[in-house]
Protein backbone atom coordinates (compact mmCIF):
# COMPACT_ATOMS: atom_id res chain seq x y z
CA UNK A 1 12.28 6.60 18.74
CA UNK A 2 9.62 6.48 21.44
CA UNK A 3 6.07 6.93 20.12
CA UNK A 4 4.64 10.39 20.72
CA UNK A 5 1.16 10.24 19.20
CA UNK A 6 -1.81 10.71 21.54
CA UNK A 7 -2.37 7.51 23.48
CA UNK A 8 0.86 5.92 22.21
CA UNK A 9 3.45 7.56 24.45
CA UNK A 10 3.86 4.38 26.50
CA UNK A 11 3.95 2.00 23.53
CA UNK A 12 7.51 0.67 22.93
CA UNK A 13 8.92 0.68 19.42
CA UNK A 14 8.83 -3.10 19.20
CA UNK A 15 5.15 -3.18 20.16
CA UNK A 16 4.23 -0.64 17.50
CA UNK A 17 6.25 -2.52 14.88
CA UNK A 18 4.61 -5.80 15.88
CA UNK A 19 1.16 -4.30 15.50
CA UNK A 20 1.92 -2.81 12.09
CA UNK A 21 3.21 -6.21 10.99
CA UNK A 22 0.01 -7.67 12.43
CA UNK A 23 -1.98 -5.32 10.21
CA UNK A 24 -0.13 -6.42 7.08
CA UNK A 25 -0.28 -10.13 7.91
CA UNK A 26 -3.91 -9.87 8.98
CA UNK A 27 -4.91 -8.09 5.80
CA UNK A 28 -3.25 -10.70 3.61
CA UNK A 29 -4.53 -13.68 5.60
CA UNK A 30 -8.10 -12.34 5.78
CA UNK A 31 -8.07 -11.62 2.07
CA UNK A 32 -6.93 -15.15 1.25
CA UNK A 33 -9.51 -16.66 3.59
CA UNK A 34 -12.32 -14.94 1.74
CA UNK A 35 -10.98 -15.10 -1.80
CA UNK A 36 -12.33 -18.53 -2.87
CA UNK A 37 -15.92 -17.55 -2.03
CA UNK A 38 -15.81 -13.98 -3.31
CA UNK A 39 -19.03 -13.60 -5.27
CA UNK A 40 -21.83 -12.48 -3.05
CA UNK A 41 -24.77 -13.46 -5.21
CA UNK A 42 -23.43 -17.03 -5.42
CA UNK A 43 -21.71 -17.50 -2.06
CA UNK A 44 -24.37 -16.41 0.39
CA UNK A 45 -23.85 -16.73 4.12
CA UNK A 46 -25.95 -19.88 4.14
CA UNK A 47 -24.04 -21.48 1.28
CA UNK A 48 -20.65 -20.70 2.83
CA UNK A 49 -21.70 -22.40 6.06
CA UNK A 50 -23.08 -25.37 4.13
CA UNK A 51 -19.67 -25.77 2.48
CA UNK A 52 -17.99 -25.62 5.89
CA UNK A 53 -20.38 -28.14 7.42
CA UNK A 54 -19.87 -30.56 4.53
CA UNK A 55 -16.11 -30.25 5.00
CA UNK A 56 -16.45 -30.59 8.80
CA UNK A 57 -14.79 -27.20 9.24
CA UNK A 58 -17.15 -25.48 11.68
CA UNK A 59 -16.13 -23.66 13.77
CA UNK A 60 -13.80 -22.12 11.20
CA UNK A 61 -10.33 -21.78 12.72
CA UNK A 62 -8.06 -21.89 9.65
CA UNK A 63 -8.11 -21.14 5.93
CA UNK A 64 -10.96 -22.71 3.98
CA UNK A 65 -10.68 -26.48 3.63
CA UNK A 66 -10.43 -28.30 0.32
CA UNK A 67 -13.85 -28.25 -1.36
CA UNK A 68 -15.75 -31.40 -0.34
CA UNK A 69 -17.01 -32.10 -3.87
CA UNK A 70 -16.47 -31.21 -7.51
CA UNK A 71 -19.75 -29.31 -7.43
CA UNK A 72 -18.48 -27.05 -4.66
CA UNK A 73 -15.10 -26.65 -6.36
CA UNK A 74 -16.68 -25.55 -9.63
CA UNK A 75 -18.47 -22.67 -7.88
CA UNK A 76 -15.33 -21.30 -6.23
CA UNK A 77 -13.13 -18.63 -7.74
CA UNK A 78 -10.34 -20.20 -9.82
CA UNK A 79 -7.70 -18.94 -7.36
CA UNK A 80 -8.99 -21.30 -4.67
CA UNK A 81 -6.15 -23.75 -5.30
CA UNK A 82 -3.64 -21.21 -3.94
CA UNK A 83 -5.82 -20.16 -1.00
CA UNK A 84 -7.05 -23.30 0.80
CA UNK A 85 -5.43 -25.26 3.59
CA UNK A 86 -2.35 -27.20 2.62
CA UNK A 87 -1.91 -25.44 -0.73
CA UNK A 88 -0.75 -21.98 0.38
CA UNK A 89 2.86 -21.06 -0.38
CA UNK A 90 3.10 -17.31 -0.08
CA UNK A 91 0.29 -14.85 -0.64
CA UNK A 92 -2.04 -14.75 -3.63
CA UNK A 93 -2.08 -11.61 -5.75
CA UNK A 94 -5.20 -9.54 -5.14
CA UNK A 95 -6.28 -5.91 -5.50
CA UNK A 96 -7.14 -5.76 -1.79
CA UNK A 97 -3.41 -6.12 -1.10
CA UNK A 98 -2.15 -4.28 -4.20
CA UNK A 99 -3.72 -1.06 -2.96
CA UNK A 100 -2.03 -1.36 0.43
CA UNK A 101 1.30 -1.67 -1.41
CA UNK A 102 0.44 1.24 -3.69
CA UNK A 103 -0.64 3.36 -0.72
CA UNK A 104 2.68 2.73 0.99
CA UNK A 105 4.52 3.72 -2.19
CA UNK A 106 2.36 6.85 -2.45
CA UNK A 107 3.30 8.00 1.05
CA UNK A 108 6.97 7.15 0.54
CA UNK A 109 6.99 9.13 -2.71
CA UNK A 110 4.88 12.17 -1.81
CA UNK A 111 4.44 12.14 1.98
CA UNK A 112 1.38 13.34 3.84
CA UNK A 113 0.96 16.27 1.46
CA UNK A 114 0.10 14.04 -1.52
CA UNK A 115 -2.65 15.24 -3.84
CA UNK A 116 -5.47 13.31 -5.46
CA UNK A 117 -3.85 14.03 -8.81
CA UNK A 118 -0.66 12.33 -7.61
CA UNK A 119 -2.65 9.25 -6.61
CA UNK A 120 -3.90 9.06 -10.20
CA UNK A 121 -0.43 9.53 -11.64
CA UNK A 122 0.86 6.68 -9.51
CA UNK A 123 -1.95 4.41 -10.69
CA UNK A 124 -1.03 5.04 -14.31
CA UNK A 125 2.65 4.47 -13.58
CA UNK A 126 2.52 1.44 -11.29
CA UNK A 127 -0.84 -0.33 -11.59
CA UNK A 128 -1.89 -2.41 -14.64
CA UNK A 129 -5.29 -1.39 -16.01
CA UNK A 130 -6.54 -4.99 -16.16
CA UNK A 131 -5.90 -5.39 -12.43
CA UNK A 132 -8.41 -2.64 -11.62
CA UNK A 133 -12.13 -3.24 -11.21
CA UNK A 134 -15.47 -1.39 -10.95
CA UNK A 135 -14.97 2.22 -9.79
CA UNK A 136 -11.20 2.02 -10.01
CA UNK A 137 -11.32 0.86 -13.61
CA UNK A 138 -13.73 3.68 -14.49
CA UNK A 139 -11.43 6.22 -12.82
CA UNK A 140 -8.34 4.73 -14.50
CA UNK A 141 -10.02 4.98 -17.90
CA UNK A 142 -10.99 8.57 -17.18
CA UNK A 143 -7.42 9.38 -16.15
CA UNK A 144 -6.05 7.84 -19.34
CA UNK A 145 -8.52 9.95 -21.33
CA UNK A 146 -7.22 13.13 -19.71
CA UNK A 147 -9.92 13.81 -17.11
CA UNK A 148 -8.96 15.25 -13.72
CA UNK A 149 -10.46 14.71 -10.25
CA UNK A 150 -13.28 14.95 -9.32
CA UNK A 151 -14.52 14.12 -12.84
CA UNK A 152 -12.51 10.90 -12.72
CA UNK A 153 -14.95 9.69 -10.05
CA UNK A 154 -18.18 10.88 -11.58
CA UNK A 155 -17.93 10.49 -15.36
CA UNK A 156 -19.37 7.21 -16.68
CA UNK A 157 -18.91 5.52 -13.30
CA UNK A 158 -21.92 3.62 -11.89
CA UNK A 159 -19.84 2.21 -9.02
CA UNK A 160 -19.16 5.41 -7.07
CA UNK A 161 -20.43 4.04 -3.74
CA UNK A 162 -18.98 0.56 -4.02
CA UNK A 163 -16.30 -0.84 -1.71
CA UNK A 164 -13.17 -0.04 -3.77
CA UNK A 165 -12.04 3.05 -1.88
CA UNK A 166 -12.55 1.32 1.47
CA UNK A 167 -10.05 -1.41 0.57
CA UNK A 168 -7.40 1.24 -0.16
CA UNK A 169 -7.56 2.87 3.27
CA UNK A 170 -5.56 0.67 5.66
CA UNK A 171 -2.16 2.24 5.06
CA UNK A 172 -3.46 5.61 6.21
CA UNK A 173 -4.48 4.03 9.51
CA UNK A 174 -1.21 2.10 9.91
CA UNK A 175 0.83 5.28 9.45
CA UNK A 176 -1.37 7.44 11.70
CA UNK A 177 -1.89 5.31 14.83
CA UNK A 178 -4.20 6.79 17.41
CA UNK A 179 -5.09 9.67 15.06
CA UNK A 180 -8.32 8.58 13.33
CA UNK A 181 -9.26 12.01 12.00
CA UNK A 182 -5.89 12.49 10.34
CA UNK A 183 -6.07 8.98 8.89
CA UNK A 184 -9.57 9.68 7.56
CA UNK A 185 -8.46 12.94 5.97
CA UNK A 186 -5.76 11.16 3.98
CA UNK A 187 -8.12 8.38 2.98
CA UNK A 188 -10.62 10.92 1.69
CA UNK A 189 -7.95 12.53 -0.50
CA UNK A 190 -7.25 9.13 -2.03
CA UNK A 191 -10.89 8.05 -2.30
CA UNK A 192 -12.27 11.02 -4.25
CA UNK A 193 -10.24 9.93 -7.28
CA UNK A 194 -12.80 7.18 -7.89
CA UNK A 195 -15.70 7.46 -5.44
CA UNK A 196 -18.37 9.75 -4.03
CA UNK A 197 -20.79 9.70 -1.10
CA UNK A 198 -20.79 6.53 0.95
CA UNK A 199 -17.93 5.21 -1.16
CA UNK A 200 -15.72 8.00 0.20
CA UNK A 201 -17.16 7.74 3.72
CA UNK A 202 -16.31 4.01 3.70
CA UNK A 203 -12.65 4.78 3.08
CA UNK A 204 -12.60 7.42 5.81
CA UNK A 205 -14.32 5.06 8.24
CA UNK A 206 -11.95 2.18 7.52
CA UNK A 207 -8.82 4.34 7.87
CA UNK A 208 -10.09 5.73 11.17
CA UNK A 209 -11.01 2.24 12.36
CA UNK A 210 -7.50 0.90 11.71
CA UNK A 211 -5.94 3.99 13.31
CA UNK A 212 -8.15 3.65 16.38
CA UNK A 213 -7.25 -0.04 16.75
CA UNK A 214 -3.78 1.02 17.99
CA UNK A 215 -5.21 2.78 21.05
CA UNK A 216 -8.82 1.66 21.57
CA UNK A 217 -9.34 -0.83 24.41
CA UNK A 218 -12.07 -2.75 22.56
CA UNK A 219 -13.46 -3.16 19.03
CA UNK A 220 -16.56 -1.23 20.09
CA UNK A 221 -14.43 1.72 21.21
CA UNK A 222 -12.63 1.71 17.86
CA UNK A 223 -15.95 1.60 15.99
CA UNK A 224 -17.25 4.52 18.03
CA UNK A 225 -14.10 6.53 17.22
CA UNK A 226 -14.41 5.73 13.52
CA UNK A 227 -18.03 6.84 13.43
CA UNK A 228 -16.93 10.31 14.50
CA UNK A 229 -15.14 10.97 11.20
CA UNK A 230 -18.13 10.49 8.85
CA UNK A 231 -21.47 12.33 8.66
CA UNK A 232 -23.84 10.97 11.29
CA UNK A 233 -26.74 11.17 8.83
CA UNK A 234 -25.01 9.14 6.11
CA UNK A 235 -26.38 5.72 5.30
CA UNK A 236 -23.02 4.21 6.20
CA UNK A 237 -23.08 5.69 9.71
CA UNK A 238 -26.67 4.59 10.18
CA UNK A 239 -25.96 0.96 9.24
CA UNK A 240 -22.91 0.79 11.52
CA UNK A 241 -24.93 2.17 14.44
CA UNK A 242 -27.81 -0.19 13.63
CA UNK A 243 -25.51 -3.23 13.58
CA UNK A 244 -23.93 -2.18 16.87
CA UNK A 245 -27.35 -1.71 18.48
CA UNK A 246 -28.44 -5.21 17.43
CA UNK A 247 -25.25 -6.59 18.98
CA UNK A 248 -25.98 -4.62 22.15
CA UNK A 249 -29.47 -6.14 22.31
CA UNK A 250 -27.84 -9.58 22.54
CA UNK A 251 -29.09 -10.91 19.24
CA UNK A 252 -26.99 -13.71 17.84
CA UNK A 253 -24.52 -12.98 15.04
CA UNK A 254 -26.84 -14.75 12.60
CA UNK A 255 -29.88 -12.76 13.72
CA UNK A 256 -28.00 -9.47 13.46
CA UNK A 257 -26.81 -10.17 9.92
CA UNK A 258 -30.25 -11.36 8.81
CA UNK A 259 -31.80 -8.16 10.13
CA UNK A 260 -29.37 -5.76 8.47
CA UNK A 261 -29.41 -7.79 5.24
CA UNK A 262 -33.15 -7.19 5.02
CA UNK A 263 -32.69 -3.49 5.70
CA UNK A 264 -29.98 -3.05 3.03
CA UNK A 265 -31.52 -5.32 0.41
CA UNK A 266 -31.14 -4.07 -3.15
CA UNK A 267 -27.80 -2.32 -2.78
CA UNK A 268 -25.80 -5.22 -4.19
CA UNK A 269 -23.00 -7.33 -2.77
CA UNK A 270 -20.16 -4.89 -3.59
CA UNK A 271 -21.80 -1.74 -2.21
CA UNK A 272 -20.03 -0.15 0.76
CA UNK A 273 -23.05 -0.02 3.06
CA UNK A 274 -24.04 -3.71 3.43
CA UNK A 275 -20.39 -4.72 3.55
CA UNK A 276 -19.80 -2.27 6.40
CA UNK A 277 -22.56 -4.04 8.30
CA UNK A 278 -20.87 -7.42 7.80
CA UNK A 279 -17.56 -5.92 8.92
CA UNK A 280 -19.08 -4.28 11.98
CA UNK A 281 -20.73 -7.54 13.03
CA UNK A 282 -17.49 -9.46 12.51
CA UNK A 283 -15.53 -7.04 14.68
CA UNK A 284 -18.12 -6.91 17.47
CA UNK A 285 -18.91 -10.60 17.68
CA UNK A 286 -15.24 -11.44 17.13
CA UNK A 287 -14.53 -9.47 20.33
CA UNK A 288 -10.83 -8.91 19.66
CA UNK A 289 -9.95 -12.53 18.87
CA UNK A 290 -8.13 -12.69 15.53
CA UNK A 291 -9.43 -16.05 14.34
CA UNK A 292 -13.02 -15.45 15.39
CA UNK A 293 -13.03 -11.96 13.84
CA UNK A 294 -11.83 -12.99 10.37
CA UNK A 295 -13.86 -16.21 10.38
CA UNK A 296 -17.15 -14.51 11.24
CA UNK A 297 -16.51 -11.68 8.80
CA UNK A 298 -15.88 -14.03 5.87
CA UNK A 299 -18.77 -16.29 6.84
CA UNK A 300 -20.93 -13.17 6.66
CA UNK A 301 -20.74 -13.27 2.86
CA UNK A 302 -20.96 -10.41 0.33
CA UNK A 303 -17.46 -9.15 -0.68
CA UNK A 304 -15.72 -11.81 1.37
CA UNK A 305 -12.11 -11.20 0.43
CA UNK A 306 -12.33 -7.42 0.90
CA UNK A 307 -14.16 -7.73 4.20
CA UNK A 308 -11.82 -10.46 5.39
CA UNK A 309 -8.84 -8.26 4.53
CA UNK A 310 -10.11 -5.25 6.47
CA UNK A 311 -11.20 -7.37 9.43
CA UNK A 312 -7.82 -9.11 9.45
CA UNK A 313 -5.98 -5.81 9.34
CA UNK A 314 -8.02 -4.46 12.24
CA UNK A 315 -7.64 -7.59 14.37
CA UNK A 316 -3.95 -7.85 13.49
CA UNK A 317 -3.32 -4.31 14.70
CA UNK A 318 -5.43 -4.87 17.79
CA UNK A 319 -3.57 -8.00 18.91
CA UNK A 320 -0.19 -7.70 17.14
CA UNK A 321 1.58 -10.13 14.84
CA UNK A 322 2.98 -12.24 17.65
CA UNK A 323 -0.54 -13.06 18.84
CA UNK A 324 -1.90 -14.13 15.43
CA UNK A 325 -2.15 -17.96 15.47
CA UNK A 326 0.52 -19.54 13.27
CA UNK A 327 -1.91 -21.34 10.96
CA UNK A 328 -2.67 -17.92 9.45
CA UNK A 329 0.85 -16.56 9.10
CA UNK A 330 3.23 -19.47 8.51
CA UNK A 331 1.76 -20.48 5.10
CA UNK A 332 2.37 -16.92 3.84
CA UNK A 333 6.12 -17.58 4.02
CA UNK A 334 6.77 -13.84 4.37
CA UNK A 335 6.24 -13.44 0.60
CA UNK A 336 3.87 -11.11 -1.21
CA UNK A 337 2.56 -11.41 -4.74
CA UNK A 338 1.56 -8.06 -6.23
CA UNK A 339 0.62 -6.56 -9.59
CA UNK A 340 2.13 -3.23 -8.51
CA UNK A 341 5.25 -2.75 -10.64
CA UNK A 342 8.43 -3.24 -8.61
CA UNK A 343 6.79 -4.98 -5.63
CA UNK A 344 6.07 -8.54 -6.73
CA UNK A 345 7.92 -10.98 -4.45
CA UNK A 346 8.48 -8.42 -1.69
CA UNK A 347 8.85 -9.65 1.87
CA UNK A 348 5.84 -8.85 4.01
CA UNK A 349 8.11 -8.06 6.96
CA UNK A 350 10.02 -5.55 4.84
CA UNK A 351 6.84 -3.74 3.82
CA UNK A 352 5.79 -3.59 7.45
CA UNK A 353 9.19 -2.20 8.46
CA UNK A 354 8.93 0.46 5.76
CA UNK A 355 5.48 1.36 7.08
CA UNK A 356 6.91 1.80 10.58
CA UNK A 357 9.73 3.98 9.24
CA UNK A 358 7.27 6.07 7.29
CA UNK A 359 5.08 6.59 10.34
CA UNK A 360 8.10 7.62 12.40
CA UNK A 361 9.28 10.00 9.67
CA UNK A 362 5.85 11.62 9.60
CA UNK A 363 5.86 11.93 13.36
CA UNK A 364 2.94 9.59 13.87
CA UNK A 365 4.50 7.26 16.46
């Protein structure tokens, strides 16, 4: 089938498939890069770079190195042993990847016409409660207690604007290439199960960003397209525009992040808004290079594994799987670990192929 979506009519099947595979591989690799230092109040940008300097790993061009001391090792997440150079044999299990798997299963099961209620039903059927966190755990508990959307997002849930819905959005971009508004619409339907406000806008923005990566000539063009799907007055839109303007003024990456960190202080390290700033800076200063994009995004701190995953997905789509340097993809061994029932041990290439088939079935490419 020749792609027929706007802007994709000249994209051969193999190129589209390679870019979808790039999205999957990039998401997994970026997630694993950031996973050991995922705890924003402990692993600040300065501390991450100190670790890398001590390990003689700057510039960062591969997964994190072995911790240079027991003191550093003790501060890392316990999963670090499966995520650092030389120790990786297949992907680590993580919710940032579980939700991509679950989103694929959602679209295979219900198609584009899925409802928010069906998202919740699939969570209860396929996703273990103890593998949910923050807003998702609150929504899961509300579902189990018989509440329906939108109450599942609002009742006893202090995390409504955190990053959880954003990390669930990639599959809607992968299956709607070059159609950011359609991708955002699907992401919104998923997000309102657990989030409100900027939490929902973050999911819409991320889905549109991934969708736009298939057709946009530059990261900045994709960011501009993604901004069009969320309210211009929202705090999320304002911080993305602010970060882009600092990049345009030729500030260094460090200066840009220091500026926006001061302007978003107090929101917390898992809130959507400051993490969107880190992501925006990573994409702009990464300038389309896969390694530089994921490395800068993770070095930016905050929710490192989630940001690394989204940045990797974006850069993987932008450049395609064949252009991702092998140090990122070969250790994954085409194997996925997942808490989603029925998917543990799946081949990454198979999931990507199913994503391509789903997009073709829906008439996206």
